[in-house]
Amino acid sequence: MDLKEHQGKKIFKKYEIPVPSGKVINQGDDLTVKIFEELGVDELVLKAQIPFGKRGKSGGILFVTREDFVEKAKSLLNKTIQGFKVEQLWVEEKLDIEKEYYLSTTLSRTDKSYMLVFSSAGGVDIEEISEQHPDKIIKIALKADWQKQFAQECLDQGLSQKVVTHLVKISEKLHQLSRNDVMLAEINPLILTKQNKLIAADSKVTLDANALFRHKEYQEKVKSGDGLEEEAKVKDLAYVQLDGDVGVIGNGAGLVMCALDTLAHFGGQPANFLDIGGGADADKMTEAMKIVLKNPSCKALFINIFGGITKCDEVAKGIVQAVKKVGIKVPMTVRLVGTNEKQGQAIMEQNNIEYYQDMEIAAKKAIKSAKESK
């Protein structure tokens, strides 16, 4: 589950990672220039709190003074950006920027450890940096004595000793918070101010959805499900309702989590977690689709199947059965590969149901469909 920027920054502050002073403004709140005195600044940044990156390019980040604060804040709160209605702003002090860096920790299953990623070229997507400036990226597995290696590689890239010392301290804090059920903790950009201070100008924190019971402060983000969790248990299905708009069904907890992560990576928001388990037949697939579609927040359906014990032709029969019995009123995207995939794909084609073999392509299609359905 992706937290909003201001929630991520609250965690950063708890772990003593420097963040700008700021305040949340919700739609309907009084807009007054007193906020400048509250934060003790002359210039502010308005940042739309939406689950989507590249907000600056989409008009979701505005710089304001006392003279235009109210007008611009009202304008931003009435906008829809990339299909998401802006209902909340994070208002923070404008930083005096000297340099922008990228810093993150992420769980690496390949290395069986957390991985630290740093780049001296921040402020853009890490994918862009990887393609355009691969020499500016440092990746280090967070194992014994990683600090020494990280510090030396930063020095080799021309960073000053003072900046490197602060950078290592922030990285240690980021690693510390990551071990508290955090799949990804990203600061982009990490600002070096003209006063030679490092400050997290943005935050992206992704919590493990399976560990939300340990984080009561964020449980209000997960809807009760209006009894859907209980209904799923009766049907021997694993269901957790989330706060997004893309309904997700998969066979196997790992595959469903992979679908959730892929959606989040491309800017999507899962509406739920639903695992039909191994060996699911057509009837079980039908019941799974019924449950997911009962969630009014679901604007698109993403079915991610990798056939092993679960056979693709049975899944395809279930999808066709559900379409006929339930009636699918939202766009549906299906990824179908594995055991009996040719038979399953043939069933889909016979019933004019589109399917994909590539999960990333399917996830992008589901995200696009959800946005267009709003």
Protein backbone atom coordinates (compact mmCIF):
# COMPACT_ATOMS: atom_id res chain seq x y z
CA MET A 1 0.00 0.00 0.00
CA ASP A 2 1.41 3.37 -1.03
CA LEU A 3 1.20 6.11 1.56
CA LYS A 4 0.57 9.72 0.63
CA GLU A 5 3.53 12.07 0.57
CA HIS A 6 2.67 13.76 3.85
CA GLN A 7 2.26 10.38 5.58
CA GLY A 8 5.65 9.26 4.30
CA LYS A 9 7.22 12.48 5.53
CA LYS A 10 5.68 11.95 8.95
CA ILE A 11 7.51 8.62 9.10
CA PHE A 12 10.72 10.26 7.87
CA LYS A 13 10.46 12.83 10.64
CA LYS A 14 9.91 10.09 13.22
CA TYR A 15 13.19 8.52 12.11
CA GLU A 16 14.98 11.90 12.15
CA ILE A 17 15.24 12.27 8.39
CA PRO A 18 15.06 16.05 7.70
CA VAL A 19 11.86 17.17 5.94
CA PRO A 20 10.47 20.64 5.12
CA SER A 21 7.97 22.15 7.54
CA GLY A 22 4.46 21.66 6.17
CA LYS A 23 0.75 21.22 6.75
CA VAL A 24 -2.14 19.24 5.25
CA ILE A 25 -5.05 21.13 3.68
CA ASN A 26 -8.24 19.24 2.83
CA GLN A 27 -11.00 20.29 0.49
CA GLY A 28 -13.40 22.45 2.52
CA ASP A 29 -10.74 23.79 4.91
CA ASP A 30 -10.43 27.55 5.35
CA LEU A 31 -7.72 28.92 3.09
CA THR A 32 -5.87 31.78 4.75
CA VAL A 33 -2.45 33.35 4.44
CA LYS A 34 -1.96 32.73 8.18
CA ILE A 35 -0.32 29.49 7.11
CA PHE A 36 2.78 31.51 6.14
CA GLU A 37 3.13 32.67 9.74
CA GLU A 38 2.38 29.17 11.05
CA LEU A 39 5.21 27.70 9.01
CA GLY A 40 7.45 30.77 9.38
CA VAL A 41 8.18 31.19 5.66
CA ASP A 42 7.62 33.69 2.84
CA GLU A 43 7.13 31.21 -0.02
CA LEU A 44 5.29 27.89 -0.11
CA VAL A 45 4.84 24.86 -2.36
CA LEU A 46 1.39 23.36 -2.95
CA LYS A 47 1.52 19.63 -3.69
CA ALA A 48 -1.49 17.58 -4.78
CA GLN A 49 -1.80 14.42 -2.69
CA ILE A 50 -2.57 11.90 -5.39
CA PRO A 51 -1.18 8.39 -6.03
CA PHE A 52 0.70 9.40 -9.15
CA GLY A 53 4.24 10.48 -9.97
CA LYS A 54 5.43 13.35 -12.15
CA ARG A 55 2.98 15.73 -10.49
CA GLY A 56 5.03 18.75 -11.50
CA LYS A 57 4.64 17.99 -15.20
CA SER A 58 0.89 17.51 -14.69
CA GLY A 59 0.31 20.79 -12.85
CA GLY A 60 0.10 19.13 -9.43
CA ILE A 61 2.87 21.21 -7.84
CA LEU A 62 2.62 24.99 -7.58
CA PHE A 63 4.86 27.64 -6.01
CA VAL A 64 2.97 30.40 -4.24
CA THR A 65 3.36 33.63 -2.29
CA ARG A 66 0.92 35.38 0.07
CA GLU A 67 -0.59 37.20 -2.91
CA ASP A 68 -1.64 34.15 -4.93
CA PHE A 69 -1.86 31.40 -2.28
CA VAL A 70 -5.66 31.30 -1.89
CA GLU A 71 -6.36 31.48 -5.63
CA LYS A 72 -3.87 28.74 -6.55
CA ALA A 73 -4.86 26.49 -3.65
CA LYS A 74 -8.55 26.66 -4.68
CA SER A 75 -7.60 26.00 -8.29
CA LEU A 76 -5.51 22.94 -7.41
CA LEU A 77 -8.21 21.52 -5.12
CA ASN A 78 -10.65 21.65 -8.04
CA LYS A 79 -8.36 19.83 -10.48
CA THR A 80 -8.38 16.28 -11.74
CA ILE A 81 -4.89 15.01 -12.53
CA GLN A 82 -4.29 11.77 -14.44
CA GLY A 83 -7.83 10.71 -13.56
CA PHE A 84 -7.45 11.44 -9.83
CA LYS A 85 -9.50 14.21 -8.21
CA VAL A 86 -7.35 16.40 -5.95
CA GLU A 87 -9.02 16.50 -2.54
CA GLN A 88 -5.98 17.11 -0.35
CA LEU A 89 -2.86 19.28 -0.51
CA TRP A 90 0.44 19.11 1.29
CA VAL A 91 1.67 22.68 1.80
CA GLU A 92 5.33 23.08 2.70
CA GLU A 93 8.15 25.58 2.73
CA LYS A 94 9.93 26.28 -0.53
CA LEU A 95 13.53 25.06 -0.37
CA ASP A 96 16.58 26.94 -1.57
CA ILE A 97 17.98 24.27 -3.89
CA GLU A 98 21.64 23.80 -4.70
CA LYS A 99 21.55 20.15 -5.91
CA GLU A 100 19.05 17.29 -6.26
CA TYR A 101 19.82 13.63 -5.45
CA TYR A 102 17.89 10.36 -5.54
CA LEU A 103 17.92 7.96 -2.58
CA SER A 104 15.89 4.84 -1.81
CA THR A 105 15.88 1.53 -0.01
CA THR A 106 13.93 -1.36 -1.46
CA LEU A 107 13.51 -5.03 -0.63
CA SER A 108 15.56 -7.18 -3.01
CA ARG A 109 14.44 -10.79 -3.04
CA THR A 110 17.31 -11.65 -5.38
CA ASP A 111 19.94 -10.43 -2.89
CA LYS A 112 17.84 -11.50 0.13
CA SER A 113 18.42 -8.10 1.69
CA TYR A 114 17.45 -4.48 1.39
CA MET A 115 19.10 -2.61 -1.46
CA LEU A 116 20.24 1.02 -1.28
CA VAL A 117 19.98 3.00 -4.51
CA PHE A 118 21.57 6.44 -4.82
CA SER A 119 22.07 8.81 -7.72
CA SER A 120 23.62 12.25 -7.89
CA ALA A 121 21.04 13.04 -10.61
CA GLY A 122 17.76 13.33 -8.72
CA GLY A 123 14.40 14.89 -9.47
CA VAL A 124 13.56 12.50 -12.33
CA ASP A 125 12.44 8.86 -12.50
CA ILE A 126 15.12 6.38 -11.56
CA GLU A 127 14.36 4.55 -14.83
CA GLU A 128 15.35 7.69 -16.76
CA ILE A 129 18.54 7.99 -14.75
CA SER A 130 19.37 4.32 -15.41
CA GLU A 131 19.00 4.85 -19.15
CA GLN A 132 20.64 8.26 -19.49
CA HIS A 133 23.21 8.31 -16.66
CA PRO A 134 23.99 4.72 -15.55
CA ASP A 135 27.38 5.89 -14.30
CA LYS A 136 25.65 8.09 -11.72
CA ILE A 137 23.81 5.23 -9.99
CA ILE A 138 25.12 3.45 -6.91
CA LYS A 139 23.47 0.19 -5.81
CA ILE A 140 24.57 -1.51 -2.60
CA ALA A 141 23.12 -4.48 -0.71
CA LEU A 142 22.60 -3.37 2.89
CA LYS A 143 24.75 -6.02 4.50
CA ALA A 144 27.79 -5.82 6.80
CA ASP A 145 29.94 -2.65 6.44
CA TRP A 146 27.82 -1.25 3.59
CA GLN A 147 28.37 2.27 4.95
CA LYS A 148 32.08 2.27 4.09
CA GLN A 149 31.49 1.09 0.54
CA PHE A 150 28.68 3.60 0.03
CA ALA A 151 30.72 6.49 1.40
CA GLN A 152 33.68 5.67 -0.82
CA GLU A 153 31.59 5.37 -3.99
CA CYS A 154 29.95 8.72 -3.23
CA LEU A 155 33.36 10.33 -2.75
CA ASP A 156 34.50 8.77 -6.03
CA GLN A 157 31.57 10.54 -7.73
CA GLY A 158 32.81 13.90 -6.46
CA LEU A 159 30.58 14.49 -3.43
CA SER A 160 32.16 16.38 -0.54
CA GLN A 161 33.07 14.61 2.70
CA LYS A 162 30.52 16.67 4.64
CA VAL A 163 27.68 15.81 2.27
CA VAL A 164 28.69 12.13 2.24
CA THR A 165 28.70 12.00 6.05
CA HIS A 166 25.14 13.38 6.17
CA LEU A 167 24.09 11.12 3.31
CA VAL A 168 25.26 7.99 5.12
CA LYS A 169 23.34 9.03 8.25
CA ILE A 170 20.13 9.56 6.29
CA SER A 171 20.64 6.23 4.50
CA GLU A 172 21.00 4.47 7.85
CA LYS A 173 17.72 6.00 9.02
CA LEU A 174 16.03 5.01 5.76
CA HIS A 175 17.26 1.44 6.23
CA GLN A 176 16.04 1.45 9.83
CA LEU A 177 12.49 2.50 8.90
CA SER A 178 12.42 0.08 5.95
CA ARG A 179 12.69 -2.86 8.31
CA ASN A 180 9.32 -1.88 9.75
CA ASP A 181 7.24 -3.61 7.02
CA VAL A 182 8.27 -1.11 4.32
CA MET A 183 8.74 -2.52 0.81
CA LEU A 184 10.04 0.75 -0.64
CA ALA A 185 11.21 4.02 0.93
CA GLU A 186 12.15 6.59 -1.69
CA ILE A 187 13.32 10.21 -1.52
CA ASN A 188 13.23 11.90 -4.91
CA PRO A 189 14.50 14.48 -4.79
CA LEU A 190 16.75 14.58 -1.76
CA ILE A 191 17.68 18.25 -1.75
CA LEU A 192 21.06 19.75 -0.93
CA THR A 193 20.20 23.34 0.01
CA LYS A 194 22.41 26.35 -0.54
CA GLN A 195 22.94 26.21 3.24
CA ASN A 196 24.56 22.77 2.69
CA LYS A 197 21.74 20.80 4.35
CA LEU A 198 20.15 17.59 3.05
CA ILE A 199 16.32 17.60 3.15
CA ALA A 200 13.78 15.08 1.84
CA ALA A 201 11.68 17.17 -0.56
CA ASP A 202 9.40 14.26 -1.43
CA SER A 203 8.54 10.83 -0.09
CA LYS A 204 7.28 7.55 -1.46
CA VAL A 205 6.67 4.87 1.15
CA THR A 206 5.12 1.52 0.23
CA LEU A 207 3.94 -0.64 3.12
CA ASP A 208 3.48 -4.40 2.90
CA ALA A 209 -0.32 -4.72 2.67
CA ASN A 210 -0.13 -8.04 4.54
CA ALA A 211 1.37 -6.26 7.56
CA LEU A 212 -1.23 -3.50 7.93
CA PHE A 213 -2.57 -5.07 11.12
CA ARG A 214 0.67 -3.91 12.76
CA HIS A 215 0.13 -0.31 11.62
CA LYS A 216 -3.11 0.90 13.18
CA GLU A 217 -2.38 4.50 12.20
CA TYR A 218 -2.93 3.59 8.52
CA GLN A 219 -5.77 1.11 8.88
CA GLU A 220 -8.34 3.83 8.16
CA LYS A 221 -6.97 3.81 4.60
CA VAL A 222 -8.28 0.27 4.20
CA LYS A 223 -12.05 0.17 3.88
CA SER A 224 -14.01 -2.33 5.95
CA GLY A 225 -15.09 -4.14 2.79
CA ASP A 226 -18.74 -4.10 3.89
CA GLY A 227 -18.56 -7.79 4.75
CA LEU A 228 -16.67 -8.82 1.61
CA GLU A 229 -13.76 -10.25 3.60
CA GLU A 230 -16.16 -12.52 5.50
CA GLU A 231 -17.95 -13.51 2.28
CA ALA A 232 -14.60 -14.38 0.70
CA LYS A 233 -13.64 -16.59 3.65
CA VAL A 234 -16.85 -18.59 3.24
CA LYS A 235 -15.90 -19.12 -0.42
CA ASP A 236 -12.35 -20.12 0.63
CA LEU A 237 -10.89 -17.00 -0.96
CA ALA A 238 -8.29 -14.63 0.52
CA TYR A 239 -9.57 -11.05 0.16
CA VAL A 240 -8.36 -7.72 1.56
CA GLN A 241 -10.00 -4.47 0.50
CA LEU A 242 -7.65 -1.57 -0.24
CA ASP A 243 -8.22 2.07 -1.17
CA GLY A 244 -7.59 2.09 -4.92
CA ASP A 245 -9.68 1.64 -8.06
CA VAL A 246 -8.23 -1.42 -9.86
CA GLY A 247 -9.73 -4.72 -8.72
CA VAL A 248 -7.10 -7.49 -8.60
CA ILE A 249 -7.54 -11.26 -8.81
CA GLY A 250 -4.67 -13.73 -9.03
CA ASN A 251 -3.78 -17.32 -8.23
CA GLY A 252 -1.25 -17.39 -5.42
CA ALA A 253 -0.44 -14.74 -2.81
CA GLY A 254 2.95 -14.03 -4.34
CA LEU A 255 1.49 -13.49 -7.79
CA VAL A 256 -1.23 -11.20 -6.43
CA MET A 257 1.39 -9.17 -4.52
CA CYS A 258 3.41 -8.98 -7.71
CA ALA A 259 0.34 -7.61 -9.51
CA LEU A 260 -0.18 -5.03 -6.74
CA ASP A 261 3.48 -3.97 -6.92
CA THR A 262 3.36 -3.73 -10.72
CA LEU A 263 0.24 -1.55 -10.60
CA ALA A 264 1.85 0.71 -8.01
CA HIS A 265 5.07 0.90 -10.05
CA PHE A 266 3.16 2.27 -13.03
CA GLY A 267 1.11 4.72 -10.97
CA GLY A 268 -1.97 2.57 -10.37
CA GLN A 269 -3.90 1.95 -7.15
CA PRO A 270 -5.16 -1.56 -6.29
CA ALA A 271 -8.72 -1.73 -4.96
CA ASN A 272 -8.14 -5.08 -3.30
CA PHE A 273 -6.04 -8.18 -2.83
CA LEU A 274 -7.80 -11.43 -3.86
CA ASP A 275 -6.08 -14.79 -4.11
CA ILE A 276 -8.17 -17.61 -5.59
CA GLY A 277 -5.46 -20.10 -4.60
CA GLY A 278 -4.08 -23.06 -6.50
CA GLY A 279 -6.33 -25.40 -8.43
CA ALA A 280 -9.22 -22.93 -8.62
CA ASP A 281 -12.02 -24.05 -10.93
CA ALA A 282 -14.50 -22.05 -13.01
CA ASP A 283 -17.00 -21.69 -10.15
CA LYS A 284 -14.36 -20.30 -7.80
CA MET A 285 -13.23 -17.81 -10.42
CA THR A 286 -16.83 -16.68 -10.83
CA GLU A 287 -17.24 -16.15 -7.08
CA ALA A 288 -13.97 -14.20 -6.94
CA MET A 289 -15.14 -11.83 -9.66
CA LYS A 290 -18.50 -11.35 -7.95
CA ILE A 291 -16.81 -10.30 -4.70
CA VAL A 292 -14.33 -7.90 -6.29
CA LEU A 293 -17.03 -6.23 -8.39
CA LYS A 294 -19.19 -5.57 -5.30
CA ASN A 295 -16.65 -2.95 -4.24
CA PRO A 296 -18.01 0.38 -5.59
CA SER A 297 -14.49 1.80 -5.79
CA CYS A 298 -13.51 -0.79 -8.39
CA LYS A 299 -13.38 1.01 -11.76
CA ALA A 300 -11.44 -1.68 -13.65
CA LEU A 301 -10.64 -5.37 -13.17
CA PHE A 302 -7.15 -6.88 -13.51
CA ILE A 303 -7.02 -10.70 -13.55
CA ASN A 304 -3.46 -12.03 -13.35
CA ILE A 305 -3.18 -15.81 -13.89
CA PHE A 306 -0.05 -17.92 -14.20
CA GLY A 307 -1.31 -21.45 -14.65
CA GLY A 308 0.38 -24.17 -12.63
CA ILE A 309 -2.01 -26.25 -10.57
CA THR A 310 -4.62 -23.72 -11.65
CA LYS A 311 -5.40 -24.46 -15.30
CA CYS A 312 -5.87 -21.57 -17.70
CA ASP A 313 -8.83 -23.16 -19.45
CA GLU A 314 -10.71 -23.47 -16.13
CA VAL A 315 -9.96 -19.83 -15.34
CA ALA A 316 -11.14 -18.82 -18.81
CA LYS A 317 -14.39 -20.77 -18.31
CA GLY A 318 -14.88 -18.98 -14.99
CA ILE A 319 -14.36 -15.59 -16.59
CA VAL A 320 -16.85 -16.34 -19.36
CA GLN A 321 -19.29 -17.75 -16.79
CA ALA A 322 -18.99 -14.61 -14.64
CA VAL A 323 -19.45 -12.32 -17.61
CA LYS A 324 -22.70 -14.11 -18.46
CA LYS A 325 -24.01 -14.49 -14.90
CA VAL A 326 -22.79 -11.33 -13.20
CA GLY A 327 -22.43 -8.91 -16.05
CA ILE A 328 -19.13 -7.04 -16.02
CA LYS A 329 -19.83 -3.31 -15.94
CA VAL A 330 -16.20 -2.21 -15.65
CA PRO A 331 -13.32 -2.72 -18.13
CA MET A 332 -11.57 -6.06 -17.66
CA THR A 333 -7.93 -6.85 -18.38
CA VAL A 334 -6.74 -10.47 -18.28
CA ARG A 335 -3.21 -11.83 -18.24
CA LEU A 336 -3.32 -15.56 -18.93
CA VAL A 337 -0.26 -17.84 -19.28
CA GLY A 338 0.79 -21.28 -18.06
CA THR A 339 -0.83 -24.71 -17.94
CA ASN A 340 -3.40 -25.18 -20.73
CA GLU A 341 -2.88 -21.59 -21.83
CA LYS A 342 -3.67 -22.29 -25.50
CA GLN A 343 -7.00 -23.86 -24.55
CA GLY A 344 -7.74 -20.98 -22.19
CA GLN A 345 -6.82 -18.37 -24.76
CA ALA A 346 -9.00 -20.12 -27.33
CA ILE A 347 -11.97 -19.89 -24.95
CA MET A 348 -11.29 -16.19 -24.45
CA GLU A 349 -11.10 -15.58 -28.20
CA GLN A 350 -14.32 -17.48 -28.82
CA ASN A 351 -16.08 -15.15 -26.38
CA ASN A 352 -14.39 -11.97 -27.66
CA ILE A 353 -12.52 -11.37 -24.38
CA GLU A 354 -9.15 -9.69 -24.75
CA TYR A 355 -6.17 -11.21 -22.94
CA TYR A 356 -2.43 -10.54 -22.58
CA GLN A 357 0.61 -12.68 -21.90
CA ASP A 358 2.80 -9.86 -20.53
CA MET A 359 1.90 -8.76 -16.98
CA GLU A 360 3.35 -5.26 -17.29
CA ILE A 361 1.39 -4.53 -20.48
CA ALA A 362 -1.77 -5.87 -18.83
CA ALA A 363 -1.20 -3.77 -15.69
CA LYS A 364 -0.73 -0.60 -17.73
CA LYS A 365 -3.95 -1.35 -19.64
CA ALA A 366 -5.86 -1.87 -16.38
CA ILE A 367 -4.59 1.44 -14.98
CA LYS A 368 -5.57 3.28 -18.13
CA SER A 369 -9.02 1.65 -18.11
CA ALA A 370 -9.62 2.65 -14.47
CA LYS A 371 -8.74 6.28 -15.20
CA GLU A 372 -10.97 6.40 -18.26
CA SER A 373 -13.88 4.90 -16.29
CA LYS A 374 -13.95 7.72 -13.72
